[in-house]
Amino acid sequence: MFLKYLEAALHKAHYDFVEDGRRFFASVPGLKGVWAEGETIEECRETLAEVIEDWVWAHVRDGVPVPEIDGLTVAPNPKTVAELT
């Protein structure tokens, strides 16, 4: 389920140029604080995937709901949360 959520989040990402078009910036609407940048769009997308993963696991660990994207969400599993803390 997490991989589908990650793919859905990446599909919703918005990419822009920064610094006179020499760097890329990406964010995902609805995932507050999730953003990444990179020298290439590929680097930016890879970094964004890592940021989304860390952001989701921090929410799960802390018991904070993960927003739904395209009908998908990540619900905390008590055993997984215990392993993360």
N, C-alpha and C. Protein backbone atom coordinates (compact mmCIF):
# COMPACT_ATOMS: atom_id res chain seq x y z
N MET A 1 0.82 -1.19 0.00
CA MET A 1 0.00 0.00 0.00
C MET A 1 0.87 1.27 0.00
N PHE A 2 1.99 1.23 0.73
CA PHE A 2 2.83 2.43 0.80
C PHE A 2 3.37 2.81 -0.57
N LEU A 3 3.80 1.82 -1.35
CA LEU A 3 4.35 2.12 -2.67
C LEU A 3 3.31 2.79 -3.55
N LYS A 4 2.08 2.34 -3.49
CA LYS A 4 1.00 2.97 -4.28
C LYS A 4 0.78 4.41 -3.82
N TYR A 5 0.84 4.63 -2.51
CA TYR A 5 0.68 5.98 -1.97
C TYR A 5 1.82 6.88 -2.45
N LEU A 6 3.04 6.36 -2.38
CA LEU A 6 4.21 7.13 -2.83
C LEU A 6 4.08 7.48 -4.31
N GLU A 7 3.70 6.53 -5.13
CA GLU A 7 3.52 6.78 -6.56
C GLU A 7 2.43 7.81 -6.81
N ALA A 8 1.33 7.74 -6.08
CA ALA A 8 0.25 8.71 -6.23
C ALA A 8 0.72 10.10 -5.84
N ALA A 9 1.49 10.20 -4.75
CA ALA A 9 2.01 11.50 -4.31
C ALA A 9 2.96 12.07 -5.36
N LEU A 10 3.84 11.24 -5.91
CA LEU A 10 4.77 11.72 -6.94
C LEU A 10 4.03 12.16 -8.19
N HIS A 11 2.93 11.48 -8.49
CA HIS A 11 2.13 11.85 -9.67
C HIS A 11 1.49 13.23 -9.48
N LYS A 12 1.16 13.59 -8.24
CA LYS A 12 0.54 14.89 -7.93
C LYS A 12 1.56 16.02 -7.79
N ALA A 13 2.83 15.69 -7.77
CA ALA A 13 3.88 16.69 -7.52
C ALA A 13 3.88 17.78 -8.59
N HIS A 14 4.21 18.98 -8.15
CA HIS A 14 4.38 20.13 -9.04
C HIS A 14 5.86 20.46 -9.10
N TYR A 15 6.38 20.65 -10.30
CA TYR A 15 7.80 20.95 -10.51
C TYR A 15 7.95 22.34 -11.10
N ASP A 16 8.94 23.08 -10.63
CA ASP A 16 9.23 24.42 -11.12
C ASP A 16 10.74 24.58 -11.25
N PHE A 17 11.13 25.57 -12.02
CA PHE A 17 12.54 25.96 -12.12
C PHE A 17 12.82 27.01 -11.07
N VAL A 18 14.01 26.96 -10.49
CA VAL A 18 14.47 28.02 -9.58
C VAL A 18 15.87 28.43 -10.00
N GLU A 19 16.35 29.52 -9.45
CA GLU A 19 17.69 30.03 -9.75
C GLU A 19 17.93 30.13 -11.25
N ASP A 20 17.10 30.92 -11.92
CA ASP A 20 17.25 31.14 -13.36
C ASP A 20 17.21 29.86 -14.17
N GLY A 21 16.39 28.90 -13.75
CA GLY A 21 16.22 27.68 -14.51
C GLY A 21 17.34 26.67 -14.37
N ARG A 22 18.22 26.84 -13.39
CA ARG A 22 19.34 25.91 -13.21
C ARG A 22 19.07 24.84 -12.16
N ARG A 23 17.99 24.94 -11.43
CA ARG A 23 17.62 23.94 -10.42
C ARG A 23 16.12 23.70 -10.52
N PHE A 24 15.72 22.54 -10.08
CA PHE A 24 14.31 22.18 -10.04
C PHE A 24 13.83 22.16 -8.60
N PHE A 25 12.58 22.53 -8.41
CA PHE A 25 11.93 22.53 -7.11
C PHE A 25 10.63 21.76 -7.28
N ALA A 26 10.29 20.92 -6.30
CA ALA A 26 9.05 20.15 -6.36
C ALA A 26 8.36 20.15 -5.01
N SER A 27 7.04 20.12 -5.05
CA SER A 27 6.23 19.99 -3.84
C SER A 27 5.00 19.18 -4.19
N VAL A 28 4.32 18.70 -3.15
CA VAL A 28 3.12 17.89 -3.34
C VAL A 28 1.97 18.60 -2.64
N PRO A 29 0.97 19.06 -3.39
CA PRO A 29 -0.19 19.70 -2.76
C PRO A 29 -0.84 18.75 -1.75
N GLY A 30 -1.16 19.29 -0.59
CA GLY A 30 -1.81 18.49 0.44
C GLY A 30 -0.85 17.85 1.43
N LEU A 31 0.44 17.82 1.09
CA LEU A 31 1.43 17.26 2.01
C LEU A 31 2.29 18.42 2.52
N LYS A 32 1.79 19.07 3.56
CA LYS A 32 2.42 20.27 4.10
C LYS A 32 3.87 20.01 4.52
N GLY A 33 4.77 20.82 3.99
CA GLY A 33 6.18 20.72 4.34
C GLY A 33 6.97 19.76 3.47
N VAL A 34 6.31 19.11 2.52
CA VAL A 34 7.00 18.17 1.64
C VAL A 34 7.46 18.93 0.40
N TRP A 35 8.79 19.01 0.24
CA TRP A 35 9.37 19.66 -0.94
C TRP A 35 10.78 19.14 -1.13
N ALA A 36 11.29 19.33 -2.34
CA ALA A 36 12.65 18.90 -2.65
C ALA A 36 13.18 19.77 -3.78
N GLU A 37 14.50 19.73 -3.96
CA GLU A 37 15.11 20.42 -5.09
C GLU A 37 16.29 19.59 -5.59
N GLY A 38 16.70 19.86 -6.82
CA GLY A 38 17.82 19.14 -7.39
C GLY A 38 18.30 19.81 -8.66
N GLU A 39 19.49 19.45 -9.10
CA GLU A 39 20.07 20.04 -10.31
C GLU A 39 19.39 19.52 -11.57
N THR A 40 18.84 18.31 -11.52
CA THR A 40 18.08 17.75 -12.64
C THR A 40 16.70 17.37 -12.13
N ILE A 41 15.77 17.21 -13.04
CA ILE A 41 14.43 16.81 -12.62
C ILE A 41 14.45 15.41 -12.02
N GLU A 42 15.34 14.55 -12.52
CA GLU A 42 15.46 13.20 -11.97
C GLU A 42 15.96 13.24 -10.52
N GLU A 43 16.98 14.07 -10.28
CA GLU A 43 17.50 14.22 -8.92
C GLU A 43 16.43 14.79 -8.00
N CYS A 44 15.69 15.75 -8.49
CA CYS A 44 14.63 16.36 -7.71
C CYS A 44 13.56 15.33 -7.36
N ARG A 45 13.17 14.52 -8.33
CA ARG A 45 12.13 13.49 -8.11
C ARG A 45 12.62 12.43 -7.11
N GLU A 46 13.87 12.01 -7.23
CA GLU A 46 14.41 11.02 -6.30
C GLU A 46 14.44 11.57 -4.87
N THR A 47 14.86 12.82 -4.74
CA THR A 47 14.89 13.45 -3.42
C THR A 47 13.48 13.59 -2.87
N LEU A 48 12.55 13.98 -3.74
CA LEU A 48 11.15 14.13 -3.31
C LEU A 48 10.60 12.80 -2.80
N ALA A 49 10.91 11.71 -3.46
CA ALA A 49 10.45 10.39 -3.01
C ALA A 49 10.98 10.09 -1.61
N GLU A 50 12.25 10.40 -1.35
CA GLU A 50 12.83 10.18 -0.03
C GLU A 50 12.15 11.05 1.02
N VAL A 51 11.88 12.30 0.66
CA VAL A 51 11.22 13.23 1.59
C VAL A 51 9.81 12.74 1.91
N ILE A 52 9.07 12.29 0.91
CA ILE A 52 7.72 11.78 1.15
C ILE A 52 7.78 10.58 2.09
N GLU A 53 8.71 9.67 1.84
CA GLU A 53 8.83 8.48 2.69
C GLU A 53 9.10 8.87 4.14
N ASP A 54 10.07 9.75 4.36
CA ASP A 54 10.40 10.19 5.72
C ASP A 54 9.21 10.90 6.37
N TRP A 55 8.53 11.74 5.59
CA TRP A 55 7.38 12.51 6.09
C TRP A 55 6.26 11.57 6.52
N VAL A 56 5.96 10.57 5.69
CA VAL A 56 4.89 9.62 6.02
C VAL A 56 5.25 8.85 7.28
N TRP A 57 6.47 8.31 7.34
CA TRP A 57 6.85 7.51 8.52
C TRP A 57 6.87 8.36 9.79
N ALA A 58 7.25 9.61 9.70
CA ALA A 58 7.21 10.49 10.88
C ALA A 58 5.76 10.69 11.34
N HIS A 59 4.85 10.85 10.38
CA HIS A 59 3.44 10.99 10.73
C HIS A 59 2.92 9.71 11.40
N VAL A 60 3.25 8.57 10.82
CA VAL A 60 2.80 7.29 11.38
C VAL A 60 3.37 7.11 12.78
N ARG A 61 4.67 7.36 12.93
CA ARG A 61 5.33 7.22 14.23
C ARG A 61 4.67 8.09 15.30
N ASP A 62 4.31 9.32 14.90
CA ASP A 62 3.75 10.27 15.85
C ASP A 62 2.23 10.19 15.98
N GLY A 63 1.61 9.27 15.23
CA GLY A 63 0.16 9.11 15.30
C GLY A 63 -0.61 10.21 14.60
N VAL A 64 0.05 10.92 13.70
CA VAL A 64 -0.60 12.00 12.95
C VAL A 64 -1.19 11.40 11.68
N PRO A 65 -2.46 11.71 11.37
CA PRO A 65 -3.07 11.15 10.16
C PRO A 65 -2.31 11.55 8.90
N VAL A 66 -2.22 10.62 7.97
CA VAL A 66 -1.60 10.87 6.67
C VAL A 66 -2.71 11.22 5.70
N PRO A 67 -2.63 12.38 5.04
CA PRO A 67 -3.70 12.78 4.13
C PRO A 67 -3.91 11.78 2.99
N GLU A 68 -5.15 11.65 2.59
CA GLU A 68 -5.52 10.77 1.50
C GLU A 68 -5.09 11.38 0.16
N ILE A 69 -4.60 10.53 -0.73
CA ILE A 69 -4.28 10.94 -2.10
C ILE A 69 -4.90 9.90 -3.02
N ASP A 70 -5.79 10.34 -3.88
CA ASP A 70 -6.46 9.44 -4.83
C ASP A 70 -7.06 8.21 -4.14
N GLY A 71 -7.67 8.42 -2.99
CA GLY A 71 -8.31 7.34 -2.26
C GLY A 71 -7.36 6.47 -1.46
N LEU A 72 -6.07 6.82 -1.44
CA LEU A 72 -5.06 6.04 -0.73
C LEU A 72 -4.58 6.79 0.51
N THR A 73 -4.30 6.05 1.56
CA THR A 73 -3.67 6.63 2.74
C THR A 73 -2.79 5.56 3.38
N VAL A 74 -2.06 5.95 4.36
CA VAL A 74 -1.20 5.02 5.10
C VAL A 74 -1.67 5.07 6.54
N ALA A 75 -2.23 3.96 7.00
CA ALA A 75 -2.74 3.89 8.36
C ALA A 75 -1.69 3.27 9.26
N PRO A 76 -1.53 3.81 10.45
CA PRO A 76 -0.53 3.26 11.37
C PRO A 76 -0.87 1.83 11.78
N ASN A 77 0.13 1.00 11.82
CA ASN A 77 0.02 -0.35 12.35
C ASN A 77 0.69 -0.30 13.71
N PRO A 78 -0.02 -0.64 14.79
CA PRO A 78 0.58 -0.51 16.13
C PRO A 78 1.94 -1.21 16.27
N LYS A 79 2.11 -2.38 15.64
CA LYS A 79 3.38 -3.10 15.73
C LYS A 79 4.48 -2.29 15.04
N THR A 80 4.18 -1.73 13.85
CA THR A 80 5.16 -0.93 13.12
C THR A 80 5.52 0.31 13.90
N VAL A 81 4.54 0.96 14.48
CA VAL A 81 4.79 2.18 15.26
C VAL A 81 5.70 1.86 16.44
N ALA A 82 5.46 0.73 17.10
CA ALA A 82 6.31 0.35 18.24
C ALA A 82 7.74 0.12 17.78
N GLU A 83 7.95 -0.42 16.59
CA GLU A 83 9.29 -0.65 16.08
C GLU A 83 9.99 0.66 15.71
N LEU A 84 9.21 1.68 15.33
CA LEU A 84 9.79 2.96 14.93
C LEU A 84 10.21 3.81 16.11
N THR A 85 9.59 3.57 17.26
CA THR A 85 9.88 4.42 18.43
C THR A 85 10.93 3.82 19.32
